Each structure stands twice: as C-alpha cells, then as structure tokens.
Protein backbone atom coordinates (compact mmCIF):
# COMPACT_ATOMS: atom_id res chain seq x y z
CA MET A 1 102.26 130.93 109.19
CA ASN A 2 102.12 131.87 112.86
CA ASN A 3 99.27 134.38 112.63
CA HIS A 4 96.05 133.40 114.35
CA GLY A 5 93.98 132.83 111.21
CA ASN A 6 96.42 130.43 109.62
CA ILE A 7 96.97 128.47 112.81
CA GLN A 8 93.21 128.23 113.33
CA ARG A 9 92.94 126.76 109.85
CA LEU A 10 95.41 124.03 110.86
CA ILE A 11 93.54 123.42 114.11
CA ASP A 12 90.34 122.98 112.12
CA LEU A 13 92.16 120.56 109.84
CA ARG A 14 93.41 118.60 112.87
CA HIS A 15 89.87 118.38 114.21
CA GLN A 16 88.58 117.13 110.87
CA LEU A 17 91.28 114.44 110.75
CA HIS A 18 90.40 113.53 114.34
CA ARG A 19 86.72 113.08 113.43
CA GLU A 20 87.61 110.82 110.50
CA PRO A 21 90.24 108.37 111.83
CA GLU A 22 91.31 105.33 109.83
CA LEU A 23 93.31 102.26 110.79
CA SER A 24 96.70 101.30 109.39
CA GLY A 25 96.51 100.56 105.67
CA ASN A 26 93.05 102.10 105.32
CA GLU A 27 93.92 105.82 105.35
CA GLU A 28 92.07 106.63 102.10
CA GLN A 29 89.84 109.45 103.38
CA THR A 30 92.72 110.81 105.46
CA ALA A 31 94.85 110.99 102.30
CA ASN A 32 92.03 112.75 100.40
CA THR A 33 91.70 115.37 103.13
CA LEU A 34 95.45 115.99 103.17
CA LEU A 35 95.61 116.12 99.38
CA GLN A 36 92.98 118.86 99.22
CA PHE A 37 95.08 120.97 101.59
CA LEU A 38 98.45 120.21 99.98
CA LYS A 39 97.32 121.08 96.45
CA GLN A 40 96.74 124.62 97.70
CA GLN A 41 100.37 124.77 98.90
CA HIS A 42 101.73 124.33 95.35
CA PRO A 43 104.57 121.84 95.88
CA ASP A 44 106.89 121.22 92.92
CA LEU A 45 105.87 117.57 93.03
CA LEU A 46 102.96 115.81 94.71
CA VAL A 47 103.03 112.00 94.76
CA THR A 48 100.16 109.85 96.04
CA ALA A 49 99.72 106.14 96.86
CA VAL A 50 103.16 105.97 98.48
CA GLY A 51 103.49 102.79 100.55
CA GLY A 52 99.70 102.47 100.44
CA HIS A 53 97.86 105.75 101.01
CA GLY A 54 100.95 107.83 101.73
CA ILE A 55 101.70 111.23 100.18
CA ILE A 56 104.95 113.00 99.31
CA ALA A 57 105.14 116.77 98.74
CA VAL A 58 108.44 118.04 97.32
CA TYR A 59 109.77 121.62 97.39
CA ASN A 60 112.91 122.36 95.34
CA GLY A 61 115.31 125.24 95.81
CA GLU A 62 116.85 127.05 92.83
CA ILE A 63 120.37 125.97 93.87
CA PRO A 64 121.26 122.26 94.21
CA GLY A 65 121.98 121.11 97.73
CA ARG A 66 121.07 118.61 100.43
CA THR A 67 117.87 116.61 100.44
CA VAL A 68 116.00 116.82 103.73
CA LEU A 69 113.03 114.56 104.51
CA LEU A 70 110.44 115.28 107.19
CA ARG A 71 108.03 112.50 108.09
CA CYS A 72 104.68 112.38 109.86
CA ASP A 73 102.32 109.44 110.42
CA MET A 74 98.69 109.13 109.31
CA ASP A 75 97.02 106.11 110.95
CA ALA A 76 94.73 105.85 113.97
CA LEU A 77 94.19 103.09 116.55
CA PRO A 78 91.43 100.51 117.23
CA ILE A 79 90.37 102.32 120.43
CA ASN A 80 86.97 103.73 121.40
CA GLU A 81 87.19 107.42 122.21
CA SER A 82 85.97 108.45 125.66
CA THR A 83 86.51 112.23 125.37
CA GLU A 84 83.54 114.54 124.86
CA VAL A 85 85.22 117.02 122.51
CA LYS A 86 83.05 118.45 119.74
CA TYR A 87 85.29 116.86 117.13
CA ARG A 88 85.29 113.38 118.72
CA SER A 89 85.75 110.39 116.45
CA ALA A 90 82.82 109.53 114.21
CA ALA A 91 84.21 106.05 113.56
CA SER A 92 83.09 103.41 116.04
CA GLY A 93 86.03 101.73 117.77
CA ILE A 94 88.65 103.87 115.99
CA SER A 95 90.33 107.06 117.19
CA HIS A 96 93.51 109.15 117.03
CA LYS A 97 94.92 108.24 120.44
CA CYS A 98 98.58 108.55 119.46
CA GLY A 99 98.31 112.14 118.20
CA HIS A 100 98.96 111.41 114.55
CA ASP A 101 96.20 113.90 113.69
CA GLY A 102 98.38 116.59 115.28
CA HIS A 103 101.49 115.37 113.49
CA MET A 104 99.70 115.70 110.14
CA ALA A 105 98.45 119.19 110.98
CA ILE A 106 102.00 120.26 111.84
CA MET A 107 103.35 118.90 108.55
CA CYS A 108 100.62 120.68 106.62
CA GLY A 109 101.72 123.87 108.40
CA VAL A 110 105.27 123.23 107.20
CA ALA A 111 103.93 122.84 103.65
CA ALA A 112 102.19 126.22 103.98
CA GLU A 113 105.45 127.79 105.18
CA LEU A 114 107.36 126.35 102.23
CA ALA A 115 104.68 127.55 99.81
CA GLU A 116 105.33 131.10 101.03
CA ASN A 117 109.12 130.76 101.35
CA LYS A 118 110.60 128.07 99.14
CA PRO A 119 114.10 126.89 100.07
CA VAL A 120 116.91 128.77 98.35
CA ARG A 121 118.97 125.61 97.95
CA GLY A 122 118.41 121.90 98.20
CA THR A 123 115.23 119.81 98.32
CA VAL A 124 112.65 119.34 101.06
CA ILE A 125 110.47 116.22 101.09
CA LEU A 126 107.38 116.16 103.27
CA LEU A 127 106.24 112.58 103.81
CA PHE A 128 102.80 111.69 105.12
CA GLN A 129 103.33 108.03 105.99
CA PRO A 130 100.63 105.37 106.43
CA ALA A 131 100.65 102.28 108.67
CA GLU A 132 103.06 103.41 111.38
CA GLU A 133 101.20 101.59 114.16
CA THR A 134 101.74 98.18 112.55
CA GLY A 135 105.41 98.79 111.74
CA GLN A 136 104.80 98.24 108.03
CA GLY A 137 104.42 101.72 106.56
CA ALA A 138 108.00 103.02 106.68
CA ALA A 139 109.50 99.95 105.03
CA ARG A 140 106.94 100.10 102.21
CA VAL A 141 107.56 103.81 101.66
CA ILE A 142 111.34 103.35 101.57
CA SER A 143 111.00 100.61 98.95
CA GLN A 144 109.24 103.14 96.69
CA LEU A 145 111.28 106.24 97.57
CA ASP A 146 113.00 107.79 94.54
CA TYR A 147 115.09 110.08 96.75
CA LYS A 148 118.04 109.38 99.02
CA PRO A 149 117.73 111.86 101.90
CA ASP A 150 120.91 113.35 103.31
CA LEU A 151 119.05 113.96 106.58
CA CYS A 152 115.62 112.85 107.84
CA TYR A 153 113.55 113.99 110.80
CA ALA A 154 110.36 113.16 112.69
CA LEU A 155 108.64 114.22 115.89
CA HIS A 156 106.23 112.67 118.37
CA ASN A 157 104.03 114.27 121.00
CA LEU A 158 104.93 113.05 124.48
CA PRO A 159 102.65 113.14 127.54
CA GLY A 160 104.48 113.39 130.85
CA PHE A 161 106.68 116.31 129.75
CA SER A 162 105.95 120.03 130.16
CA MET A 163 103.82 121.55 127.42
CA GLY A 164 105.84 122.58 124.39
CA SER A 165 109.18 121.30 125.66
CA VAL A 166 111.54 119.60 123.20
CA ILE A 167 112.81 116.17 124.24
CA THR A 168 115.96 114.81 122.62
CA LYS A 169 118.29 111.88 123.16
CA ASP A 170 121.63 110.78 121.78
CA GLY A 171 121.59 107.34 120.20
CA ALA A 172 118.58 105.09 120.74
CA PHE A 173 115.47 107.24 121.22
CA ALA A 174 112.79 104.52 120.96
CA GLY A 175 113.31 100.80 121.49
CA ALA A 176 112.76 97.74 119.35
CA SER A 177 109.64 95.60 119.55
CA ARG A 178 108.34 92.38 118.01
CA GLY A 179 104.99 90.66 118.13
CA MET A 180 105.36 86.96 118.97
CA ILE A 181 102.66 84.38 118.23
CA ILE A 182 103.01 80.90 119.77
CA LYS A 183 100.57 78.18 118.71
CA PHE A 184 100.75 75.07 120.92
CA GLU A 185 99.71 71.73 119.41
CA GLY A 186 98.70 68.94 121.82
CA LYS A 187 95.97 66.31 121.79
CA CYS A 188 92.31 66.85 122.60
CA SER A 189 90.44 64.39 124.83
CA HIS A 190 87.17 63.97 126.70
CA ALA A 191 87.00 66.17 129.80
CA SER A 192 86.41 63.06 131.92
CA GLN A 193 89.70 61.58 130.69
CA PRO A 194 92.19 64.47 130.55
CA LEU A 195 95.18 62.13 130.91
CA GLU A 196 94.29 60.55 127.57
CA GLY A 197 95.07 63.84 125.89
CA THR A 198 97.91 66.38 125.94
CA SER A 199 96.65 69.71 127.22
CA PRO A 200 98.64 72.91 126.59
CA ALA A 201 97.16 74.56 129.71
CA LEU A 202 100.24 74.14 131.92
CA ALA A 203 102.52 75.27 129.09
CA VAL A 204 100.51 78.48 128.69
CA ALA A 205 100.60 79.08 132.45
CA SER A 206 104.36 78.48 132.58
CA LEU A 207 105.02 80.80 129.68
CA ILE A 208 102.90 83.61 131.15
CA THR A 209 104.75 83.25 134.45
CA PHE A 210 108.08 83.40 132.62
CA PHE A 211 107.08 86.60 130.81
CA SER A 212 105.95 88.19 134.06
CA LYS A 213 109.27 87.47 135.80
CA VAL A 214 111.30 88.76 132.84
CA SER A 215 109.50 92.10 132.82
CA LYS A 216 109.91 92.58 136.56
CA HIS A 217 113.62 91.87 136.79
CA SER A 218 115.23 92.96 133.49
CA GLU A 219 115.67 96.70 132.96
CA GLY A 220 114.46 97.74 129.52
CA ILE A 221 113.37 94.19 128.66
CA ILE A 222 109.58 93.93 128.57
CA ALA A 223 107.22 91.13 127.63
CA THR A 224 103.57 92.17 127.45
CA LEU A 225 100.90 89.48 127.17
CA ILE A 226 98.46 90.57 124.44
CA HIS A 227 96.22 87.53 124.03
CA ALA A 228 95.87 83.95 125.22
CA SER A 229 93.33 81.28 124.33
CA ILE A 230 93.10 77.60 125.27
CA GLY A 231 90.86 75.01 123.63
CA GLU A 232 87.19 75.54 122.90
CA ALA A 233 84.29 76.77 125.02
CA ALA A 234 83.02 73.21 125.61
CA PHE A 235 82.81 71.74 129.14
CA GLY A 236 83.06 68.21 127.82
CA THR A 237 86.43 68.68 126.15
CA SER A 238 89.99 68.82 127.45
CA PRO A 239 91.92 71.24 125.20
CA GLY A 240 94.45 70.19 122.61
CA LYS A 241 95.42 73.59 121.22
CA ALA A 242 96.33 77.02 122.56
CA THR A 243 97.59 80.36 121.29
CA VAL A 244 99.65 82.98 123.14
CA MET A 245 100.45 86.41 121.70
CA VAL A 246 103.03 88.63 123.37
CA THR A 247 104.94 91.81 122.53
CA LEU A 248 108.67 91.76 123.23
CA ARG A 249 110.49 95.06 123.80
CA ALA A 250 114.18 95.87 124.23
CA PRO A 251 116.26 99.08 124.21
CA THR A 252 118.87 97.86 121.70
CA THR A 253 119.00 95.61 118.66
CA LYS A 254 121.51 93.32 120.40
CA LYS A 255 119.30 92.93 123.46
CA MET A 256 116.25 92.24 121.29
CA SER A 257 118.12 89.49 119.46
CA GLN A 258 119.22 87.88 122.72
CA PHE A 259 115.76 88.28 124.27
CA SER A 260 114.12 86.60 121.26
CA GLN A 261 116.56 83.70 121.54
CA ASP A 262 115.96 83.34 125.28
CA VAL A 263 112.19 83.27 124.83
CA THR A 264 112.42 80.73 122.01
CA GLN A 265 114.65 78.52 124.16
CA GLN A 266 112.18 78.74 127.05
CA ILE A 267 109.32 77.72 124.75
CA ASN A 268 111.37 74.72 123.62
CA LEU A 269 111.99 73.64 127.20
CA ILE A 270 108.34 74.01 128.18
CA CYS A 271 107.11 72.08 125.14
CA GLU A 272 109.60 69.27 125.72
CA GLU A 273 108.41 68.96 129.30
CA GLU A 274 104.72 69.03 128.37
CA LYS A 275 105.20 66.88 125.23
CA LEU A 276 103.78 69.54 122.92
CA GLN A 277 104.55 70.73 119.42
CA TYR A 278 104.46 74.43 118.63
CA ILE A 279 104.53 76.90 115.73
CA LEU A 280 106.24 80.25 116.27
CA SER A 281 105.71 83.34 114.10
CA TRP A 282 106.51 87.06 114.31
CA ALA A 283 104.48 90.18 113.51
CA GLU A 284 104.71 93.99 113.65
CA GLU A 285 108.48 94.19 114.01
CA PHE A 286 109.95 97.62 114.82
CA PRO A 287 113.69 98.32 114.78
CA VAL A 288 115.37 100.63 117.29
CA THR A 289 114.99 104.30 116.32
CA ALA A 290 118.52 105.64 116.79
CA ASN A 291 119.37 109.35 116.49
CA ALA A 292 122.48 110.21 114.49
CA GLU A 293 124.79 112.88 115.91
CA LEU A 294 124.46 115.59 113.22
CA PRO A 295 120.66 115.72 112.86
CA ASN A 296 120.22 115.39 116.61
CA SER A 297 122.52 118.37 117.20
CA ILE A 298 120.53 120.37 114.64
CA ILE A 299 117.34 119.62 116.59
CA ARG A 300 118.93 120.85 119.83
CA GLN A 301 120.35 123.99 118.22
CA THR A 302 116.99 124.81 116.64
CA ALA A 303 115.13 124.44 119.95
CA GLU A 304 117.67 126.63 121.74
CA GLN A 305 117.50 129.30 119.05
CA LEU A 306 113.70 129.36 119.27
CA GLY A 307 113.85 129.58 123.05
CA TYR A 308 112.01 126.33 123.73
CA LYS A 309 112.69 124.43 126.91
CA THR A 310 114.79 121.36 126.12
CA ARG A 311 115.24 118.12 127.98
CA ASP A 312 117.47 115.14 127.32
CA ALA A 313 115.76 111.80 127.89
CA LYS A 314 117.76 109.71 130.36
CA ARG A 315 116.70 106.36 128.91
CA THR A 316 115.51 104.90 125.65
CA PHE A 317 111.72 105.12 125.47
CA PRO A 318 110.21 101.60 125.72
CA TRP A 319 107.65 102.20 122.96
CA SER A 320 108.60 101.73 119.32
CA GLU A 321 108.49 103.89 116.20
CA ASP A 322 108.76 102.63 112.65
CA PHE A 323 110.80 105.75 111.85
CA GLY A 324 113.59 103.38 112.90
CA HIS A 325 113.47 101.98 109.35
CA PHE A 326 114.58 105.42 108.14
CA THR A 327 117.32 105.89 110.74
CA GLU A 328 118.68 102.45 109.85
CA ARG A 329 119.27 103.66 106.28
CA TYR A 330 119.78 107.43 106.45
CA PRO A 331 121.24 109.91 108.98
CA GLY A 332 118.18 110.92 110.96
CA ALA A 333 116.72 111.87 114.31
CA ILE A 334 113.37 112.04 116.06
CA PHE A 335 112.44 114.38 118.89
CA GLY A 336 109.55 114.68 121.30
CA LEU A 337 107.18 117.59 121.95
CA GLY A 338 105.91 117.64 125.51
CA SER A 339 102.10 117.55 125.63
CA GLY A 340 101.71 118.17 129.38
CA VAL A 341 102.86 116.63 132.63
CA ASN A 342 99.41 115.52 133.77
CA THR A 343 98.04 114.58 130.35
CA ALA A 344 96.44 111.22 129.62
CA LEU A 345 98.86 108.65 128.24
CA LEU A 346 99.28 107.80 124.57
CA HIS A 347 96.97 104.99 123.39
CA SER A 348 94.52 105.69 126.21
CA SER A 349 90.89 106.43 125.32
CA GLU A 350 91.13 109.84 127.04
CA TYR A 351 94.10 111.20 125.07
CA ASP A 352 93.71 114.18 122.75
CA PHE A 353 96.57 115.96 120.96
CA PRO A 354 97.00 119.53 122.31
CA ASP A 355 96.39 122.11 119.59
CA GLN A 356 98.94 124.49 121.15
CA LEU A 357 101.71 122.17 119.93
CA ILE A 358 100.92 122.87 116.26
CA PRO A 359 102.78 126.22 115.91
CA ILE A 360 105.66 124.87 118.02
CA GLY A 361 106.05 121.82 115.79
CA ILE A 362 105.94 123.99 112.65
CA ALA A 363 108.58 126.36 114.01
CA MET A 364 110.83 123.45 114.99
CA PHE A 365 110.59 121.77 111.59
CA LYS A 366 111.08 125.06 109.71
CA GLY A 367 114.18 125.85 111.78
CA ILE A 368 115.50 122.32 111.24
CA ILE A 369 115.05 122.70 107.47
CA ASP A 370 116.90 126.02 107.41
CA ARG A 371 119.84 124.71 109.44
CA SER A 372 120.05 121.44 107.51
CA LEU A 373 120.11 123.11 104.07
CA LYS A 374 122.75 125.66 105.10
CA LEU A 375 125.33 123.01 106.00
C-alpha cells in the first residue's frame, strides 16, 4: 500500500473527509464515504450503525487466534476553519481540527493492506468510532460489540513533536476529564433594591477565583472555565440565577475523584455563605486512557523495527481520549504520531492533519497487527 498511487488515493480520501466534517453523533455522510471505500476492500464482515454511525470491518485469518481491535475516530469539532487549503471545510462552523480525518484515512489504508494480505491467524477488527469528542462514542460501541478483543490499539496525531515520531508512555497516556455544570438558585429583585434579593454574582466570582488558583498551583489538576452567565440582560433587575460550566482534568482516576469532591465541597461552602441553592450535574466524562504493558511494548518494538524515531512522554497528557473506555475493559494502548514541532495546536482553527503521516500510521498499525497475532 506504500506506492505513490495508493497513498495519493488515501490523501484524496482524507481531503474529502476534511471538506465534509460532521459533529459528534451526526457522522452520517462521513460513514457513507467510508463505507464506499471499505466495500472495495472486501472485509469478511462489514457492520454499520455501530454506536450511532460507527462502522466495523472484520478480517479473519484461516487459523484461529487472537482478536486485535484497531480504533479510529470520525467526528469533527464546532470550530470555524481559518486555513486556506483547497479542501477546506464546506460546513460553516465545523471542521476537522483534531485530525480525525487523518486517523480515518490511516485506518482505510490498513483495510487496503488487509485486503491484499489477510492475516494468517486470528481476527482483526477495524473500528471507525463516532462521537469521540463528547466522550460518548466508545461506551456506546462497547455496549454493542460482539467481540472481546485480546488487544486493542489507537493512535493520535500530536503537534509539538517531530514529524513522524512515535510517542509512547507507560501507564496513563491521557488524563481524565469531566464537564461540570453548576446552576445557582437565588432570588431576583429590582435593581434599585438588590438587598431584597439574593444575587449569585459573588458566588460566581468566588468560584471562578477558586478554579483559577487550583489550576495555577496543582500539577496535573486543571479547571477550565467554559461558560458563565448571570441573570438576564435587563438593567432594572438584580439577578437571581446563574450558571457556570467548567471542565475538570486530572492525570489519574484517584485524583479526579478527589478533585471532584473538593470542588463540590467548595461549592457547598460558597452557597452556604451566599445563602444560595444549587443544582450540580456532569457531562462529557472521559476516563483515564492507561496503556497496558504488553500492547505498549508491541508499539515500541514495531516503531523500532520500522526505524521510526521514538520518544517516551514524561507526563500524562492533560487532554482526554474516550479510548480510555476500551483500556478500562481490554488490554490496550494508544500512541502518538508527531505532526511537527512548530505546528498549530489541536483544536485551533489553523490546524490541518499532515498527509505525510498517513503511510507512517499504516505501517505502524500493520506492524502492530503482525506482532500481536504472532504471540
């Protein structure tokens, strides 16, 4: 699959997926595009509507053996694209700024490799997973999965690392995160008589200050304010309600649990002081993505055999990956592919997945399959 014509076909596919991005849970056209390609790769089984718009392509060897699952993500982000590439997003306010278009192109390349050289033993499952960005897709897929993988793998492109390098890490690769929604309930009053009401303004200010201090002084513990609103846009009214939305991040499950408790306790204290009621809810929860020893060693051995530059991450990455739902249940590992030291950051409007990573990702996954099925 590494000849120029075949790789160019995958680059063209990546560009098409980039032009037609879809948000989490809405990946219908993306799935149709992938399905057209995958049908030509003649898998032994092709399953659609997995966890929403997900797709599974299965390749069986003649001899029974291990089951290996490779996963890529399908969804885009609610971000306006600012690049001027010819294949820029045609969807207003939506674009592939996490590189999932590249991940899908790589997995399609793996399917093409398996179509030409089916595994001798075992089973290979290629999973195109929806709704990664909201933390919902993996859990939905797992609830419908008829297979129990012996090993599972994923990759993610990583700006800030040299082009084509392979980034690994023992244990926790990507941290946990939770979306927290706090709705304060006070009492509205006339703006000329604010003391007759119970305004949540000071509570919101106190909570924002608390989050700021936590992020500055606790290594690996991050609270990012996402949204805050107080009252209504009416100059004659003192507010009685407010909403604060924040993302909590932590490098371990234990630290996330403690952090969540600490924040909840702080909200209690603030509301008692300001005489407010509140409603607390959670959204978009991602577990820690922890690499198991065996699959992680297979990733390293594959990279070394292929001659790719490898680098061990010194710390758990603060962003989250819903592949953690897989590593919670099955032995698995995720690795990074460096997309350039001076590249725009993920989730920025300027980011664009580098096409030169496609053959590298295919070679890595193919080598990982071969090693995993020979065990």
